[in-house]
Amino acid sequence: KPILFGGHQEHQLRPGTESVPLIVAFGVAVEKLSS
């Protein structure tokens, strides 16, 4: 069950506009290290 309320983002479990720049950077860093 969510602990924050206010939007439909992230399956309604984490409402609020996502930080796309940080999320994309996270994905790039993970791709670099995972191999």
PDB file of all heavy atoms in Angstrom:
ATOM      1  N   LYS A   1       0.846  -1.194   0.000  1.00  0.00           N
ATOM      2  CA  LYS A   1       0.000   0.000   0.000  1.00  0.00           C
ATOM      3  C   LYS A   1       0.886   1.251   0.000  1.00  0.00           C
ATOM      4  O   LYS A   1       1.943   1.269   0.620  1.00  0.00           O
ATOM      5  CB  LYS A   1      -0.925  -0.007   1.215  1.00  0.00           C
ATOM      6  CG  LYS A   1      -2.027  -1.051   1.100  1.00  0.00           C
ATOM      7  CD  LYS A   1      -3.098  -0.864   2.157  1.00  0.00           C
ATOM      8  CE  LYS A   1      -4.236  -1.869   1.955  1.00  0.00           C
ATOM      9  NZ  LYS A   1      -5.278  -1.730   3.004  1.00  0.00           N
ATOM     10  N   PRO A   2       0.461   2.304  -0.700  1.00  0.00           N
ATOM     11  CA  PRO A   2       1.293   3.510  -0.785  1.00  0.00           C
ATOM     12  C   PRO A   2       1.382   4.240   0.549  1.00  0.00           C
ATOM     13  O   PRO A   2       0.504   4.106   1.411  1.00  0.00           O
ATOM     14  CB  PRO A   2       0.562   4.363  -1.826  1.00  0.00           C
ATOM     15  CG  PRO A   2      -0.861   3.898  -1.763  1.00  0.00           C
ATOM     16  CD  PRO A   2      -0.801   2.441  -1.443  1.00  0.00           C
ATOM     17  N   ILE A   3       2.451   5.015   0.696  1.00  0.00           N
ATOM     18  CA  ILE A   3       2.582   5.891   1.870  1.00  0.00           C
ATOM     19  C   ILE A   3       2.489   7.361   1.453  1.00  0.00           C
ATOM     20  O   ILE A   3       2.443   8.253   2.293  1.00  0.00           O
ATOM     21  CB  ILE A   3       3.897   5.622   2.630  1.00  0.00           C
ATOM     22  CG1 ILE A   3       5.119   5.835   1.725  1.00  0.00           C
ATOM     23  CG2 ILE A   3       3.907   4.214   3.194  1.00  0.00           C
ATOM     24  CD1 ILE A   3       6.457   5.685   2.460  1.00  0.00           C
ATOM     25  N   LEU A   4       2.474   7.599   0.133  1.00  0.00           N
ATOM     26  CA  LEU A   4       2.254   8.936  -0.418  1.00  0.00           C
ATOM     27  C   LEU A   4       1.047   8.876  -1.342  1.00  0.00           C
ATOM     28  O   LEU A   4       0.757   7.834  -1.940  1.00  0.00           O
ATOM     29  CB  LEU A   4       3.481   9.405  -1.225  1.00  0.00           C
ATOM     30  CG  LEU A   4       4.802   9.539  -0.475  1.00  0.00           C
ATOM     31  CD1 LEU A   4       5.915   9.859  -1.456  1.00  0.00           C
ATOM     32  CD2 LEU A   4       4.716  10.600   0.606  1.00  0.00           C
ATOM     33  N   PHE A   5       0.350   9.992  -1.484  1.00  0.00           N
ATOM     34  CA  PHE A   5      -0.861  10.026  -2.295  1.00  0.00           C
ATOM     35  C   PHE A   5      -0.853  11.262  -3.189  1.00  0.00           C
ATOM     36  O   PHE A   5      -0.275  12.283  -2.840  1.00  0.00           O
ATOM     37  CB  PHE A   5      -2.109  10.027  -1.397  1.00  0.00           C
ATOM     38  CG  PHE A   5      -2.176   8.837  -0.485  1.00  0.00           C
ATOM     39  CD1 PHE A   5      -1.618   8.884   0.781  1.00  0.00           C
ATOM     40  CD2 PHE A   5      -2.768   7.661  -0.916  1.00  0.00           C
ATOM     41  CE1 PHE A   5      -1.657   7.776   1.626  1.00  0.00           C
ATOM     42  CE2 PHE A   5      -2.812   6.550  -0.089  1.00  0.00           C
ATOM     43  CZ  PHE A   5      -2.251   6.608   1.184  1.00  0.00           C
ATOM     44  N   GLY A   6      -1.480  11.124  -4.372  1.00  0.00           N
ATOM     45  CA  GLY A   6      -1.575  12.308  -5.207  1.00  0.00           C
ATOM     46  C   GLY A   6      -1.456  12.090  -6.693  1.00  0.00           C
ATOM     47  O   GLY A   6      -1.526  13.061  -7.447  1.00  0.00           O
ATOM     48  N   GLY A   7      -1.289  10.889  -7.165  1.00  0.00           N
ATOM     49  CA  GLY A   7      -1.169  10.707  -8.604  1.00  0.00           C
ATOM     50  C   GLY A   7      -1.128   9.245  -8.982  1.00  0.00           C
ATOM     51  O   GLY A   7      -1.046   8.362  -8.138  1.00  0.00           O
ATOM     52  N   HIS A   8      -1.114   8.997 -10.297  1.00  0.00           N
ATOM     53  CA  HIS A   8      -1.180   7.624 -10.801  1.00  0.00           C
ATOM     54  C   HIS A   8       0.200   7.058 -11.126  1.00  0.00           C
ATOM     55  O   HIS A   8       0.307   5.902 -11.533  1.00  0.00           O
ATOM     56  CB  HIS A   8      -2.033   7.601 -12.072  1.00  0.00           C
ATOM     57  CG  HIS A   8      -1.435   8.384 -13.198  1.00  0.00           C
ATOM     58  ND1 HIS A   8      -1.627   9.734 -13.339  1.00  0.00           N
ATOM     59  CD2 HIS A   8      -0.617   8.010 -14.214  1.00  0.00           C
ATOM     60  CE1 HIS A   8      -0.953  10.154 -14.395  1.00  0.00           C
ATOM     61  NE2 HIS A   8      -0.334   9.134 -14.947  1.00  0.00           N
ATOM     62  N   GLN A   9       1.250   7.859 -10.967  1.00  0.00           N
ATOM     63  CA  GLN A   9       2.576   7.413 -11.399  1.00  0.00           C
ATOM     64  C   GLN A   9       3.045   6.180 -10.625  1.00  0.00           C
ATOM     65  O   GLN A   9       2.651   5.958  -9.483  1.00  0.00           O
ATOM     66  CB  GLN A   9       3.603   8.545 -11.209  1.00  0.00           C
ATOM     67  CG  GLN A   9       3.378   9.775 -12.059  1.00  0.00           C
ATOM     68  CD  GLN A   9       2.526  10.827 -11.383  1.00  0.00           C
ATOM     69  OE1 GLN A   9       1.840  10.563 -10.383  1.00  0.00           O
ATOM     70  NE2 GLN A   9       2.542  12.033 -11.928  1.00  0.00           N
ATOM     71  N   GLU A  10       3.926   5.405 -11.273  1.00  0.00           N
ATOM     72  CA  GLU A  10       4.549   4.225 -10.650  1.00  0.00           C
ATOM     73  C   GLU A  10       3.502   3.310 -10.009  1.00  0.00           C
ATOM     74  O   GLU A  10       3.582   2.968  -8.829  1.00  0.00           O
ATOM     75  CB  GLU A  10       5.611   4.653  -9.625  1.00  0.00           C
ATOM     76  CG  GLU A  10       6.745   5.477 -10.216  1.00  0.00           C
ATOM     77  CD  GLU A  10       7.498   4.760 -11.322  1.00  0.00           C
ATOM     78  OE1 GLU A  10       8.101   3.706 -11.043  1.00  0.00           O
ATOM     79  OE2 GLU A  10       7.468   5.244 -12.479  1.00  0.00           O
ATOM     80  N   HIS A  11       2.518   2.936 -10.798  1.00  0.00           N
ATOM     81  CA  HIS A  11       1.450   2.027 -10.345  1.00  0.00           C
ATOM     82  C   HIS A  11       0.696   2.589  -9.142  1.00  0.00           C
ATOM     83  O   HIS A  11       0.170   1.833  -8.317  1.00  0.00           O
ATOM     84  CB  HIS A  11       2.014   0.642  -9.989  1.00  0.00           C
ATOM     85  CG  HIS A  11       2.897   0.054 -11.047  1.00  0.00           C
ATOM     86  ND1 HIS A  11       2.450  -0.257 -12.311  1.00  0.00           N
ATOM     87  CD2 HIS A  11       4.210  -0.277 -11.014  1.00  0.00           C
ATOM     88  CE1 HIS A  11       3.450  -0.760 -13.022  1.00  0.00           C
ATOM     89  NE2 HIS A  11       4.522  -0.772 -12.267  1.00  0.00           N
ATOM     90  N   GLN A  12       0.658   3.894  -9.016  1.00  0.00           N
ATOM     91  CA  GLN A  12       0.012   4.611  -7.912  1.00  0.00           C
ATOM     92  C   GLN A  12       0.678   4.335  -6.562  1.00  0.00           C
ATOM     93  O   GLN A  12       0.121   4.677  -5.519  1.00  0.00           O
ATOM     94  CB  GLN A  12      -1.481   4.281  -7.831  1.00  0.00           C
ATOM     95  CG  GLN A  12      -2.264   4.758  -9.062  1.00  0.00           C
ATOM     96  CD  GLN A  12      -3.755   4.566  -8.920  1.00  0.00           C
ATOM     97  OE1 GLN A  12      -4.227   3.496  -8.532  1.00  0.00           O
ATOM     98  NE2 GLN A  12      -4.513   5.600  -9.241  1.00  0.00           N
ATOM     99  N   LEU A  13       1.854   3.743  -6.590  1.00  0.00           N
ATOM    100  CA  LEU A  13       2.580   3.479  -5.347  1.00  0.00           C
ATOM    101  C   LEU A  13       3.561   4.593  -5.013  1.00  0.00           C
ATOM    102  O   LEU A  13       3.995   4.737  -3.862  1.00  0.00           O
ATOM    103  CB  LEU A  13       3.347   2.154  -5.451  1.00  0.00           C
ATOM    104  CG  LEU A  13       2.492   0.899  -5.390  1.00  0.00           C
ATOM    105  CD1 LEU A  13       3.350  -0.334  -5.612  1.00  0.00           C
ATOM    106  CD2 LEU A  13       1.774   0.819  -4.045  1.00  0.00           C
ATOM    107  N   ARG A  14       3.933   5.396  -6.032  1.00  0.00           N
ATOM    108  CA  ARG A  14       4.884   6.470  -5.793  1.00  0.00           C
ATOM    109  C   ARG A  14       4.436   7.668  -6.638  1.00  0.00           C
ATOM    110  O   ARG A  14       5.001   7.963  -7.679  1.00  0.00           O
ATOM    111  CB  ARG A  14       6.295   6.017  -6.159  1.00  0.00           C
ATOM    112  CG  ARG A  14       7.391   6.730  -5.401  1.00  0.00           C
ATOM    113  CD  ARG A  14       7.577   8.166  -5.826  1.00  0.00           C
ATOM    114  NE  ARG A  14       8.573   8.842  -5.013  1.00  0.00           N
ATOM    115  CZ  ARG A  14       9.025  10.059  -5.289  1.00  0.00           C
ATOM    116  NH1 ARG A  14       8.568  10.739  -6.326  1.00  0.00           N
ATOM    117  NH2 ARG A  14       9.917  10.626  -4.507  1.00  0.00           N
ATOM    118  N   PRO A  15       3.377   8.377  -6.181  1.00  0.00           N
ATOM    119  CA  PRO A  15       2.850   9.486  -6.971  1.00  0.00           C
ATOM    120  C   PRO A  15       3.830  10.653  -7.032  1.00  0.00           C
ATOM    121  O   PRO A  15       4.705  10.802  -6.185  1.00  0.00           O
ATOM    122  CB  PRO A  15       1.579   9.872  -6.210  1.00  0.00           C
ATOM    123  CG  PRO A  15       1.831   9.442  -4.803  1.00  0.00           C
ATOM    124  CD  PRO A  15       2.646   8.187  -4.921  1.00  0.00           C
ATOM    125  N   GLY A  16       3.649  11.476  -8.056  1.00  0.00           N
ATOM    126  CA  GLY A  16       4.520  12.620  -8.274  1.00  0.00           C
ATOM    127  C   GLY A  16       5.255  12.476  -9.591  1.00  0.00           C
ATOM    128  O   GLY A  16       5.590  11.362 -10.010  1.00  0.00           O
ATOM    129  N   THR A  17       5.511  13.592 -10.241  1.00  0.00           N
ATOM    130  CA  THR A  17       6.193  13.559 -11.534  1.00  0.00           C
ATOM    131  C   THR A  17       7.588  12.960 -11.390  1.00  0.00           C
ATOM    132  O   THR A  17       8.381  13.391 -10.548  1.00  0.00           O
ATOM    133  CB  THR A  17       6.305  14.978 -12.120  1.00  0.00           C
ATOM    134  OG1 THR A  17       4.999  15.539 -12.233  1.00  0.00           O
ATOM    135  CG2 THR A  17       6.973  14.952 -13.487  1.00  0.00           C
ATOM    136  N   GLU A  18       7.886  11.969 -12.202  1.00  0.00           N
ATOM    137  CA  GLU A  18       9.180  11.291 -12.129  1.00  0.00           C
ATOM    138  C   GLU A  18      10.309  12.212 -12.587  1.00  0.00           C
ATOM    139  O   GLU A  18      10.134  13.016 -13.505  1.00  0.00           O
ATOM    140  CB  GLU A  18       9.176  10.026 -12.994  1.00  0.00           C
ATOM    141  CG  GLU A  18       8.142   8.991 -12.585  1.00  0.00           C
ATOM    142  CD  GLU A  18       6.842   9.104 -13.342  1.00  0.00           C
ATOM    143  OE1 GLU A  18       6.565  10.199 -13.908  1.00  0.00           O
ATOM    144  OE2 GLU A  18       6.091   8.111 -13.378  1.00  0.00           O
ATOM    145  N   SER A  19      11.475  12.059 -11.966  1.00  0.00           N
ATOM    146  CA  SER A  19      12.659  12.823 -12.366  1.00  0.00           C
ATOM    147  C   SER A  19      13.351  12.080 -13.500  1.00  0.00           C
ATOM    148  O   SER A  19      14.231  11.246 -13.276  1.00  0.00           O
ATOM    149  CB  SER A  19      13.612  13.011 -11.187  1.00  0.00           C
ATOM    150  OG  SER A  19      14.772  13.715 -11.607  1.00  0.00           O
ATOM    151  N   VAL A  20      12.947  12.375 -14.709  1.00  0.00           N
ATOM    152  CA  VAL A  20      13.457  11.635 -15.873  1.00  0.00           C
ATOM    153  C   VAL A  20      14.984  11.738 -15.989  1.00  0.00           C
ATOM    154  O   VAL A  20      15.648  10.719 -16.236  1.00  0.00           O
ATOM    155  CB  VAL A  20      12.751  12.106 -17.160  1.00  0.00           C
ATOM    156  CG1 VAL A  20      13.347  11.424 -18.384  1.00  0.00           C
ATOM    157  CG2 VAL A  20      11.254  11.816 -17.069  1.00  0.00           C
ATOM    158  N   PRO A  21      15.597  12.923 -15.823  1.00  0.00           N
ATOM    159  CA  PRO A  21      17.060  12.981 -15.945  1.00  0.00           C
ATOM    160  C   PRO A  21      17.786  12.062 -14.973  1.00  0.00           C
ATOM    161  O   PRO A  21      18.757  11.377 -15.344  1.00  0.00           O
ATOM    162  CB  PRO A  21      17.381  14.457 -15.666  1.00  0.00           C
ATOM    163  CG  PRO A  21      16.132  15.189 -16.034  1.00  0.00           C
ATOM    164  CD  PRO A  21      15.023  14.276 -15.635  1.00  0.00           C
ATOM    165  N   LEU A  22      17.326  12.005 -13.730  1.00  0.00           N
ATOM    166  CA  LEU A  22      17.978  11.153 -12.734  1.00  0.00           C
ATOM    167  C   LEU A  22      17.740   9.679 -13.028  1.00  0.00           C
ATOM    168  O   LEU A  22      18.639   8.848 -12.874  1.00  0.00           O
ATOM    169  CB  LEU A  22      17.483  11.497 -11.328  1.00  0.00           C
ATOM    170  CG  LEU A  22      17.715  12.924 -10.831  1.00  0.00           C
ATOM    171  CD1 LEU A  22      17.305  13.044  -9.368  1.00  0.00           C
ATOM    172  CD2 LEU A  22      19.160  13.356 -11.008  1.00  0.00           C
ATOM    173  N   ILE A  23      16.530   9.357 -13.447  1.00  0.00           N
ATOM    174  CA  ILE A  23      16.199   7.967 -13.757  1.00  0.00           C
ATOM    175  C   ILE A  23      17.012   7.474 -14.957  1.00  0.00           C
ATOM    176  O   ILE A  23      17.564   6.363 -14.939  1.00  0.00           O
ATOM    177  CB  ILE A  23      14.688   7.835 -14.023  1.00  0.00           C
ATOM    178  CG1 ILE A  23      13.910   7.995 -12.708  1.00  0.00           C
ATOM    179  CG2 ILE A  23      14.356   6.496 -14.684  1.00  0.00           C
ATOM    180  CD1 ILE A  23      12.413   8.146 -12.876  1.00  0.00           C
ATOM    181  N   VAL A  24      17.111   8.290 -15.983  1.00  0.00           N
ATOM    182  CA  VAL A  24      17.874   7.907 -17.169  1.00  0.00           C
ATOM    183  C   VAL A  24      19.352   7.734 -16.821  1.00  0.00           C
ATOM    184  O   VAL A  24      20.009   6.782 -17.261  1.00  0.00           O
ATOM    185  CB  VAL A  24      17.676   8.943 -18.300  1.00  0.00           C
ATOM    186  CG1 VAL A  24      18.645   8.684 -19.448  1.00  0.00           C
ATOM    187  CG2 VAL A  24      16.233   8.900 -18.804  1.00  0.00           C
ATOM    188  N   ALA A  25      19.885   8.660 -16.016  1.00  0.00           N
ATOM    189  CA  ALA A  25      21.280   8.541 -15.575  1.00  0.00           C
ATOM    190  C   ALA A  25      21.489   7.260 -14.776  1.00  0.00           C
ATOM    191  O   ALA A  25      22.530   6.595 -14.917  1.00  0.00           O
ATOM    192  CB  ALA A  25      21.670   9.755 -14.742  1.00  0.00           C
ATOM    193  N   PHE A  26      20.522   6.897 -13.947  1.00  0.00           N
ATOM    194  CA  PHE A  26      20.572   5.647 -13.178  1.00  0.00           C
ATOM    195  C   PHE A  26      20.688   4.461 -14.130  1.00  0.00           C
ATOM    196  O   PHE A  26      21.536   3.570 -13.966  1.00  0.00           O
ATOM    197  CB  PHE A  26      19.307   5.558 -12.324  1.00  0.00           C
ATOM    198  CG  PHE A  26      19.289   4.477 -11.271  1.00  0.00           C
ATOM    199  CD1 PHE A  26      20.395   3.689 -10.992  1.00  0.00           C
ATOM    200  CD2 PHE A  26      18.124   4.251 -10.535  1.00  0.00           C
ATOM    201  CE1 PHE A  26      20.360   2.700 -10.007  1.00  0.00           C
ATOM    202  CE2 PHE A  26      18.072   3.273  -9.554  1.00  0.00           C
ATOM    203  CZ  PHE A  26      19.191   2.493  -9.297  1.00  0.00           C
ATOM    204  N   GLY A  27      19.838   4.439 -15.145  1.00  0.00           N
ATOM    205  CA  GLY A  27      19.877   3.342 -16.104  1.00  0.00           C
ATOM    206  C   GLY A  27      21.201   3.245 -16.839  1.00  0.00           C
ATOM    207  O   GLY A  27      21.731   2.143 -17.050  1.00  0.00           O
ATOM    208  N   VAL A  28      21.767   4.384 -17.212  1.00  0.00           N
ATOM    209  CA  VAL A  28      23.054   4.398 -17.914  1.00  0.00           C
ATOM    210  C   VAL A  28      24.168   3.880 -17.004  1.00  0.00           C
ATOM    211  O   VAL A  28      25.025   3.087 -17.434  1.00  0.00           O
ATOM    212  CB  VAL A  28      23.372   5.824 -18.410  1.00  0.00           C
ATOM    213  CG1 VAL A  28      24.819   5.930 -18.879  1.00  0.00           C
ATOM    214  CG2 VAL A  28      22.420   6.209 -19.539  1.00  0.00           C
ATOM    215  N   ALA A  29      24.174   4.316 -15.744  1.00  0.00           N
ATOM    216  CA  ALA A  29      25.198   3.859 -14.796  1.00  0.00           C
ATOM    217  C   ALA A  29      25.097   2.355 -14.578  1.00  0.00           C
ATOM    218  O   ALA A  29      26.116   1.648 -14.540  1.00  0.00           O
ATOM    219  CB  ALA A  29      25.052   4.604 -13.472  1.00  0.00           C
ATOM    220  N   VAL A  30      23.886   1.853 -14.448  1.00  0.00           N
ATOM    221  CA  VAL A  30      23.678   0.417 -14.240  1.00  0.00           C
ATOM    222  C   VAL A  30      24.154  -0.373 -15.461  1.00  0.00           C
ATOM    223  O   VAL A  30      24.821  -1.404 -15.327  1.00  0.00           O
ATOM    224  CB  VAL A  30      22.193   0.123 -13.939  1.00  0.00           C
ATOM    225  CG1 VAL A  30      21.901  -1.377 -14.044  1.00  0.00           C
ATOM    226  CG2 VAL A  30      21.837   0.631 -12.548  1.00  0.00           C
ATOM    227  N   GLU A  31      23.814   0.097 -16.643  1.00  0.00           N
ATOM    228  CA  GLU A  31      24.254  -0.593 -17.865  1.00  0.00           C
ATOM    229  C   GLU A  31      25.785  -0.656 -17.922  1.00  0.00           C
ATOM    230  O   GLU A  31      26.361  -1.681 -18.298  1.00  0.00           O
ATOM    231  CB  GLU A  31      23.713   0.117 -19.088  1.00  0.00           C
ATOM    232  CG  GLU A  31      24.062  -0.593 -20.394  1.00  0.00           C
ATOM    233  CD  GLU A  31      23.525   0.116 -21.610  1.00  0.00           C
ATOM    234  OE1 GLU A  31      23.650   1.363 -21.681  1.00  0.00           O
ATOM    235  OE2 GLU A  31      22.976  -0.565 -22.495  1.00  0.00           O
ATOM    236  N   LYS A  32      26.442   0.414 -17.518  1.00  0.00           N
ATOM    237  CA  LYS A  32      27.901   0.469 -17.567  1.00  0.00           C
ATOM    238  C   LYS A  32      28.536  -0.540 -16.613  1.00  0.00           C
ATOM    239  O   LYS A  32      29.553  -1.164 -16.920  1.00  0.00           O
ATOM    240  CB  LYS A  32      28.381   1.885 -17.226  1.00  0.00           C
ATOM    241  CG  LYS A  32      29.883   2.095 -17.325  1.00  0.00           C
ATOM    242  CD  LYS A  32      30.232   3.555 -17.077  1.00  0.00           C
ATOM    243  CE  LYS A  32      31.728   3.802 -17.295  1.00  0.00           C
ATOM    244  NZ  LYS A  32      32.575   3.109 -16.311  1.00  0.00           N
ATOM    245  N   LEU A  33      27.932  -0.723 -15.434  1.00  0.00           N
ATOM    246  CA  LEU A  33      28.536  -1.564 -14.399  1.00  0.00           C
ATOM    247  C   LEU A  33      28.117  -3.028 -14.464  1.00  0.00           C
ATOM    248  O   LEU A  33      28.820  -3.894 -13.945  1.00  0.00           O
ATOM    249  CB  LEU A  33      28.185  -1.023 -13.008  1.00  0.00           C
ATOM    250  CG  LEU A  33      28.774   0.326 -12.591  1.00  0.00           C
ATOM    251  CD1 LEU A  33      28.362   0.639 -11.168  1.00  0.00           C
ATOM    252  CD2 LEU A  33      30.287   0.342 -12.709  1.00  0.00           C
ATOM    253  N   SER A  34      26.987  -3.311 -15.073  1.00  0.00           N
ATOM    254  CA  SER A  34      26.397  -4.646 -14.933  1.00  0.00           C
ATOM    255  C   SER A  34      27.148  -5.743 -15.695  1.00  0.00           C
ATOM    256  O   SER A  34      26.959  -6.921 -15.401  1.00  0.00           O
ATOM    257  CB  SER A  34      24.929  -4.620 -15.379  1.00  0.00           C
ATOM    258  OG  SER A  34      24.813  -4.201 -16.723  1.00  0.00           O
ATOM    259  N   SER A  35      28.005  -5.368 -16.631  1.00  0.00           N
ATOM    260  CA  SER A  35      28.671  -6.379 -17.454  1.00  0.00           C
ATOM    261  C   SER A  35      29.929  -6.966 -16.826  1.00  0.00           C
ATOM    262  O   SER A  35      30.423  -8.003 -17.281  1.00  0.00           O
ATOM    263  CB  SER A  35      29.018  -5.797 -18.824  1.00  0.00           C
ATOM    264  OG  SER A  35      29.947  -4.736 -18.683  1.00  0.00           O
TER     265      SER A  35
END
